[in-house]
Amino acid sequence: MTTPIETPGGPGLLYRDDAAEPVATLLISHGAGAGVDTADLAALAAQLPAQGITVIRFEQPWKVAGRKIAGPPASLDVAFTAAAAAVGREIPLVVGGRSAGARSAARTATRVEAAALLALSFPLHPPGKPERSRLDELLGAGVPSRVIQGGRDAFGRPAEFPDDVDVVEVPWADHSFKVAKSAPVDPEQTIAAVVAAAGSWIRAQIGAG
């Protein structure tokens, strides 16, 4: 189900895939390039409802408007906060995103009273510039957090995160969770690993096993 919502930055879209007997809601947004139809976000929406997790993918106003470049971080946060306000709170809310969407979810997690944060391909730093770390955004989320990161992610490999950060490595995957043809795993196995690491963790955070 697709629902338009108004945000201070313009119209956004919510793509909702409901669980039959939901125990949690995952509100998740896209990165600064592709939209909500990336392989990882689409797989979460298709598969997590069977685990009792309703998935709501939020398309930011800049993407709905057809612009190619994301707005400033503050504008992403305001829109994501508006999306969270449109989500019912009868069950725990987990916020998340991929890349820039993960940063925004981390910055707003406390503000929207989320139970946990799921960060896909968290951009720890710009490629080749580890000195420009964004770790403070992740550590400042204020809620239990899991990072799912490609082993070849140029924006921060799993080993670059501190030991006390919950990071699940997706072997041979890049920032988009794509793997080379020479890798010993295929794209389907890679995305399946992302879904498995997300679903089991979300259920554990809200006490559903």
Protein backbone atom coordinates (compact mmCIF):
# COMPACT_ATOMS: atom_id res chain seq x y z
CA MET A 1 0.00 0.00 0.00
CA THR A 2 1.34 3.43 -0.97
CA THR A 3 0.31 6.48 1.02
CA PRO A 4 1.31 10.10 0.36
CA ILE A 5 2.16 12.20 3.40
CA GLU A 6 2.87 15.88 3.82
CA THR A 7 6.18 16.93 5.32
CA PRO A 8 7.68 20.40 5.85
CA GLY A 9 9.83 19.70 2.78
CA GLY A 10 6.99 18.64 0.52
CA PRO A 11 5.09 15.44 -0.20
CA GLY A 12 6.70 12.12 0.71
CA LEU A 13 5.52 8.57 0.13
CA LEU A 14 5.07 5.63 2.50
CA TYR A 15 5.25 2.14 0.99
CA ARG A 16 3.67 -0.18 3.55
CA ASP A 17 3.92 -3.97 3.71
CA ASP A 18 1.92 -5.24 6.68
CA ALA A 19 2.54 -8.31 8.78
CA ALA A 20 -0.55 -10.40 9.50
CA GLU A 21 0.18 -10.36 13.25
CA PRO A 22 2.72 -7.56 13.70
CA VAL A 23 5.04 -7.37 16.69
CA ALA A 24 7.08 -4.41 15.42
CA THR A 25 7.17 -1.79 12.68
CA LEU A 26 10.31 -0.98 10.73
CA LEU A 27 10.30 2.52 9.22
CA ILE A 28 13.20 2.69 6.81
CA SER A 29 14.39 5.20 4.24
CA HIS A 30 16.69 5.20 1.24
CA GLY A 31 20.07 6.73 0.48
CA ALA A 32 21.14 9.83 -1.40
CA GLY A 33 21.01 8.16 -4.81
CA ALA A 34 18.57 5.32 -5.43
CA GLY A 35 15.11 5.19 -3.90
CA VAL A 36 13.12 2.66 -1.91
CA ASP A 37 13.31 -0.01 -4.61
CA THR A 38 16.92 -1.03 -3.99
CA ALA A 39 17.41 -4.78 -3.63
CA ASP A 40 17.98 -4.67 0.13
CA LEU A 41 15.00 -2.45 0.99
CA ALA A 42 12.72 -4.35 -1.38
CA ALA A 43 13.77 -7.67 0.17
CA LEU A 44 13.09 -6.41 3.69
CA ALA A 45 9.63 -5.30 2.62
CA ALA A 46 8.93 -8.61 0.92
CA GLN A 47 10.23 -10.95 3.60
CA LEU A 48 10.08 -9.36 7.06
CA PRO A 49 6.25 -9.28 7.30
CA ALA A 50 6.34 -13.09 7.48
CA GLN A 51 8.40 -12.64 10.67
CA GLY A 52 5.81 -10.34 12.22
CA ILE A 53 7.51 -7.09 11.20
CA THR A 54 5.54 -4.52 9.26
CA VAL A 55 7.87 -2.67 6.91
CA ILE A 56 7.24 0.92 5.88
CA ARG A 57 9.65 2.33 3.31
CA PHE A 58 9.76 6.13 3.28
CA GLU A 59 10.55 7.95 0.07
CA GLN A 60 11.94 11.38 0.85
CA PRO A 61 10.31 14.48 -0.71
CA TRP A 62 13.36 15.26 -2.83
CA LYS A 63 13.08 11.84 -4.47
CA VAL A 64 9.30 12.12 -4.94
CA ALA A 65 9.87 15.47 -6.65
CA GLY A 66 12.24 13.85 -9.13
CA ARG A 67 15.39 15.62 -8.00
CA LYS A 68 18.66 13.75 -8.42
CA ILE A 69 20.44 15.15 -5.38
CA ALA A 70 19.29 14.76 -1.78
CA GLY A 71 18.52 17.79 0.29
CA PRO A 72 20.61 18.95 3.29
CA PRO A 73 20.78 16.54 6.26
CA ALA A 74 18.45 18.71 8.34
CA SER A 75 15.76 18.49 5.68
CA LEU A 76 16.03 14.70 5.59
CA ASP A 77 15.63 14.58 9.36
CA VAL A 78 12.55 16.81 9.36
CA ALA A 79 10.88 14.71 6.69
CA PHE A 80 11.78 11.43 8.39
CA THR A 81 10.37 12.75 11.66
CA ALA A 82 7.13 13.59 9.88
CA ALA A 83 7.01 10.08 8.46
CA ALA A 84 7.49 8.60 11.93
CA ALA A 85 4.65 10.75 13.24
CA ALA A 86 2.37 9.19 10.61
CA VAL A 87 3.12 5.66 11.82
CA GLY A 88 0.92 4.13 14.49
CA ARG A 89 2.54 3.31 17.83
CA GLU A 90 0.50 0.33 19.00
CA ILE A 91 3.66 -1.78 18.58
CA PRO A 92 7.38 -0.93 18.92
CA LEU A 93 8.89 1.26 16.20
CA VAL A 94 12.32 0.47 14.79
CA VAL A 95 13.83 3.13 12.55
CA GLY A 96 16.42 2.57 9.89
CA GLY A 97 17.80 3.42 6.53
CA ARG A 98 20.50 2.72 4.04
CA SER A 99 23.50 5.06 3.71
CA ALA A 100 22.25 8.66 4.09
CA GLY A 101 18.95 7.26 5.31
CA ALA A 102 20.80 5.41 8.07
CA ARG A 103 22.46 8.64 9.18
CA SER A 104 19.10 10.41 9.30
CA ALA A 105 17.50 7.58 11.26
CA ALA A 106 20.37 7.69 13.76
CA ARG A 107 20.02 11.43 14.23
CA THR A 108 16.27 11.22 14.81
CA ALA A 109 15.90 7.90 16.68
CA THR A 110 15.51 9.47 20.11
CA ARG A 111 13.33 12.27 18.79
CA VAL A 112 10.77 9.83 17.37
CA GLU A 113 10.97 7.53 20.41
CA ALA A 114 12.22 4.55 18.43
CA ALA A 115 12.95 1.28 20.17
CA ALA A 116 16.00 0.52 18.03
CA LEU A 117 18.01 1.54 14.96
CA LEU A 118 18.84 -0.59 11.90
CA ALA A 119 21.61 0.95 9.79
CA LEU A 120 22.30 -0.54 6.37
CA SER A 121 25.60 0.48 4.77
CA PHE A 122 26.23 3.22 7.30
CA PRO A 123 28.53 5.77 5.58
CA LEU A 124 31.14 5.98 8.32
CA HIS A 125 33.19 8.39 6.23
CA PRO A 126 33.47 9.60 2.61
CA PRO A 127 35.49 7.17 0.48
CA GLY A 128 39.19 7.58 1.07
CA LYS A 129 38.66 10.12 3.88
CA PRO A 130 38.55 8.21 7.17
CA GLU A 131 39.43 11.40 9.05
CA ARG A 132 35.94 12.74 8.28
CA SER A 133 34.20 10.26 10.55
CA ARG A 134 30.44 10.25 11.15
CA LEU A 135 30.72 7.80 14.02
CA ASP A 136 29.32 10.36 16.44
CA GLU A 137 25.96 10.23 14.65
CA LEU A 138 25.75 6.48 15.08
CA LEU A 139 26.88 6.50 18.71
CA GLY A 140 24.50 9.35 19.46
CA ALA A 141 21.41 7.44 18.33
CA GLY A 142 20.53 6.71 21.95
CA VAL A 143 18.89 3.35 21.19
CA PRO A 144 20.17 -0.19 20.56
CA SER A 145 21.67 -0.19 17.09
CA ARG A 146 22.77 -2.72 14.50
CA VAL A 147 24.91 -1.93 11.46
CA ILE A 148 24.83 -4.27 8.45
CA GLN A 149 27.89 -3.46 6.37
CA GLY A 150 29.45 -4.81 3.20
CA GLY A 151 32.94 -6.22 3.61
CA ARG A 152 34.16 -4.05 0.72
CA ASP A 153 32.23 -0.89 1.60
CA ALA A 154 34.38 2.10 0.58
CA PHE A 155 32.39 4.28 2.99
CA GLY A 156 33.67 2.22 5.93
CA ARG A 157 34.57 -1.44 6.17
CA PRO A 158 33.28 -3.42 9.16
CA ALA A 159 36.73 -3.49 10.79
CA GLU A 160 36.76 0.32 10.90
CA PHE A 161 33.93 0.45 13.43
CA PRO A 162 34.75 0.28 17.17
CA ASP A 163 34.51 -3.15 18.78
CA ASP A 164 31.53 -2.11 20.89
CA VAL A 165 29.39 -1.33 17.83
CA ASP A 166 27.13 -4.18 16.70
CA VAL A 167 28.27 -4.68 13.10
CA VAL A 168 27.29 -7.60 10.91
CA GLU A 169 29.60 -8.02 7.94
CA VAL A 170 28.17 -9.02 4.57
CA PRO A 171 31.20 -10.67 2.94
CA TRP A 172 32.40 -9.46 -0.46
CA ALA A 173 29.65 -6.85 -0.69
CA ASP A 174 30.17 -3.17 -1.52
CA HIS A 175 28.22 -0.12 -0.32
CA SER A 176 25.20 -1.18 -2.37
CA PHE A 177 25.51 -4.81 -1.22
CA LYS A 178 26.62 -5.77 -4.72
CA VAL A 179 29.19 -8.53 -5.14
CA ALA A 180 31.62 -9.17 -7.96
CA LYS A 181 30.94 -12.03 -10.36
CA SER A 182 34.10 -13.67 -9.05
CA ALA A 183 32.82 -13.66 -5.45
CA PRO A 184 31.94 -17.05 -3.90
CA VAL A 185 28.40 -15.83 -3.18
CA ASP A 186 25.72 -14.55 -5.53
CA PRO A 187 23.46 -11.48 -5.20
CA GLU A 188 20.55 -13.52 -3.86
CA GLN A 189 22.66 -15.02 -1.07
CA THR A 190 24.00 -11.58 -0.21
CA ILE A 191 20.58 -9.98 0.14
CA ALA A 192 19.35 -13.03 2.06
CA ALA A 193 22.15 -12.43 4.57
CA VAL A 194 21.01 -8.82 5.00
CA VAL A 195 17.41 -9.87 5.64
CA ALA A 196 18.44 -12.57 8.10
CA ALA A 197 20.65 -10.20 10.08
CA ALA A 198 17.88 -7.62 10.21
CA GLY A 199 14.88 -9.78 11.04
CA SER A 200 16.35 -11.84 13.86
CA TRP A 201 17.85 -8.76 15.51
CA ILE A 202 14.65 -6.71 15.35
CA ARG A 203 12.64 -9.51 16.92
CA ALA A 204 15.26 -9.88 19.67
CA GLN A 205 15.14 -6.15 20.44
CA ILE A 206 11.41 -6.15 21.04
CA GLY A 207 11.43 -9.42 22.95
CA ALA A 208 9.85 -11.57 20.27
CA GLY A 209 12.63 -14.11 20.08
